[in-house]
Protein backbone atom coordinates (compact mmCIF):
# COMPACT_ATOMS: atom_id res chain seq x y z
CA UNK A 1 3.09 4.41 21.34
CA UNK A 2 6.39 2.18 20.73
CA UNK A 3 9.64 3.77 22.49
CA UNK A 4 12.51 3.98 20.99
CA UNK A 5 13.81 0.29 19.70
CA UNK A 6 10.56 -0.97 19.98
CA UNK A 7 9.45 -0.63 16.65
CA UNK A 8 7.90 -3.77 14.99
CA UNK A 9 8.96 -4.87 11.51
CA UNK A 10 6.80 -7.16 10.03
CA UNK A 11 7.48 -9.25 6.79
CA UNK A 12 4.83 -10.27 5.10
CA UNK A 13 3.24 -11.21 1.45
CA UNK A 14 0.29 -8.62 0.50
CA UNK A 15 -1.30 -11.06 -1.98
CA UNK A 16 -1.95 -13.46 1.17
CA UNK A 17 -4.71 -12.17 3.60
CA UNK A 18 -3.59 -14.93 5.94
CA UNK A 19 -0.10 -13.28 6.21
CA UNK A 20 -2.01 -9.91 6.56
CA UNK A 21 -4.17 -10.80 9.23
CA UNK A 22 -1.38 -12.45 11.31
CA UNK A 23 0.73 -9.23 10.73
CA UNK A 24 -2.47 -7.04 12.07
CA UNK A 25 -2.80 -9.51 15.14
CA UNK A 26 0.78 -9.16 15.89
CA UNK A 27 1.00 -5.51 15.76
CA UNK A 28 -2.06 -4.89 17.56
CA UNK A 29 -0.92 -7.70 20.30
CA UNK A 30 2.07 -6.05 21.01
CA UNK A 31 0.85 -2.18 21.03
CA UNK A 32 -3.07 -2.30 21.28
CA UNK A 33 -3.45 -0.36 17.87
CA UNK A 34 -1.89 0.42 14.60
CA UNK A 35 -0.70 4.28 14.60
CA UNK A 36 1.19 4.04 11.19
CA UNK A 37 0.96 1.85 8.06
CA UNK A 38 3.44 1.90 5.68
CA UNK A 39 3.04 0.38 2.34
CA UNK A 40 6.37 -0.04 0.73
CA UNK A 41 5.62 -3.64 -1.14
CA UNK A 42 5.48 -3.30 -4.91
CA UNK A 43 7.46 -4.66 -7.68
CA UNK A 44 7.95 -2.92 -11.41
CA UNK A 45 7.24 -4.39 -14.69
CA UNK A 46 9.60 -3.24 -17.36
CA UNK A 47 8.13 -3.39 -20.77
CA UNK A 48 6.42 -1.28 -23.02
CA UNK A 49 2.46 -1.75 -22.99
CA UNK A 50 2.14 -3.56 -26.27
CA UNK A 51 4.97 -5.88 -25.03
CA UNK A 52 3.61 -6.64 -21.70
CA UNK A 53 2.25 -10.35 -20.56
CA UNK A 54 -0.72 -10.24 -19.24
CA UNK A 55 0.17 -12.62 -16.40
CA UNK A 56 3.02 -10.54 -15.18
CA UNK A 57 0.92 -7.35 -15.42
CA UNK A 58 -2.25 -8.94 -13.32
CA UNK A 59 1.36 -9.98 -10.62
CA UNK A 60 2.52 -6.62 -10.47
CA UNK A 61 -1.42 -5.24 -10.30
CA UNK A 62 -1.97 -7.91 -7.40
CA UNK A 63 0.95 -6.60 -5.16
CA UNK A 64 1.18 -3.26 -6.01
CA UNK A 65 -2.61 -2.41 -6.52
CA UNK A 66 -4.62 -4.73 -4.60
CA UNK A 67 -1.90 -5.52 -1.79
CA UNK A 68 -1.74 -2.00 -0.85
CA UNK A 69 -5.77 -1.73 -0.48
CA UNK A 70 -5.82 -4.93 1.18
CA UNK A 71 -3.49 -3.16 3.89
CA UNK A 72 -5.51 -0.13 4.06
CA UNK A 73 -8.37 -2.18 4.23
CA UNK A 74 -6.79 -3.82 7.25
CA UNK A 75 -5.92 -1.01 9.21
CA UNK A 76 -8.39 1.78 8.47
CA UNK A 77 -11.39 0.90 10.60
CA UNK A 78 -9.50 1.19 13.76
CA UNK A 79 -7.60 4.63 12.57
CA UNK A 80 -10.82 5.78 11.70
CA UNK A 81 -12.77 4.54 14.78
CA UNK A 82 -9.89 6.78 17.10
CA UNK A 83 -9.84 9.36 13.82
CA UNK A 84 -6.04 8.84 14.16
CA UNK A 85 -3.41 7.44 12.16
CA UNK A 86 -0.76 7.61 9.16
CA UNK A 87 -0.61 5.86 6.22
CA UNK A 88 2.51 6.55 4.10
CA UNK A 89 2.31 4.75 0.56
CA UNK A 90 5.67 4.64 -1.10
CA UNK A 91 6.00 4.50 -4.98
CA UNK A 92 8.00 5.30 -7.88
CA UNK A 93 8.27 8.45 -9.81
CA UNK A 94 6.61 6.66 -12.62
CA UNK A 95 3.12 7.98 -11.41
CA UNK A 96 4.45 11.39 -12.30
CA UNK A 97 6.52 10.88 -15.67
CA UNK A 98 6.06 8.44 -18.12
CA UNK A 99 8.83 6.26 -19.32
CA UNK A 100 9.05 4.31 -22.60
CA UNK A 101 9.97 0.65 -20.77
CA UNK A 102 7.49 1.49 -18.00
CA UNK A 103 3.94 1.74 -19.94
CA UNK A 104 1.79 -0.68 -17.62
CA UNK A 105 4.09 0.59 -14.47
CA UNK A 106 3.33 4.13 -15.39
CA UNK A 107 -0.71 3.03 -15.57
CA UNK A 108 -0.41 1.38 -12.40
CA UNK A 109 1.01 4.41 -10.33
CA UNK A 110 -1.43 6.94 -12.24
CA UNK A 111 -4.18 4.89 -11.04
CA UNK A 112 -2.79 4.53 -7.49
CA UNK A 113 -2.20 8.34 -7.22
CA UNK A 114 -5.96 9.13 -7.93
CA UNK A 115 -7.10 6.41 -5.84
CA UNK A 116 -5.15 7.77 -2.75
CA UNK A 117 -5.91 11.54 -3.16
CA UNK A 118 -9.70 10.39 -3.41
CA UNK A 119 -9.24 8.21 -0.25
CA UNK A 120 -7.65 11.33 1.47
CA UNK A 121 -10.19 13.60 0.60
CA UNK A 122 -13.15 11.08 1.87
CA UNK A 123 -11.02 10.81 5.11
CA UNK A 124 -10.79 14.61 5.52
CA UNK A 125 -6.96 13.90 5.34
CA UNK A 126 -6.56 12.68 8.90
CA UNK A 127 -5.52 9.04 8.00
CA UNK A 128 -3.98 9.11 4.20
CA UNK A 129 -0.85 11.30 2.81
């Protein structure tokens, strides 16, 4: 476990599996294991559903949904093996409340919320909150 002042913050692009692998390797090399994952990567897309551009919506999903999934996929096997760990997923209020110009963002956050609840139940609530 990291002592005060010894936390490791790693900047990476969650759409790049090579960067994810390198970050996981660096963290495990320094600490021996990963106890906490904070999924904070995300972008918003401001447009009504009918005005949205598919390319931008796909980019948002690539970062906010698939990026989050890649990170969980990278750390969960070790947490599951130790039956210990925390995954903190940071999102926006758009998953709880709809806004006129955030139609696709609301869809994304709602899907994430359902997915993460199921993940938490499946893991007996020890790894996902």
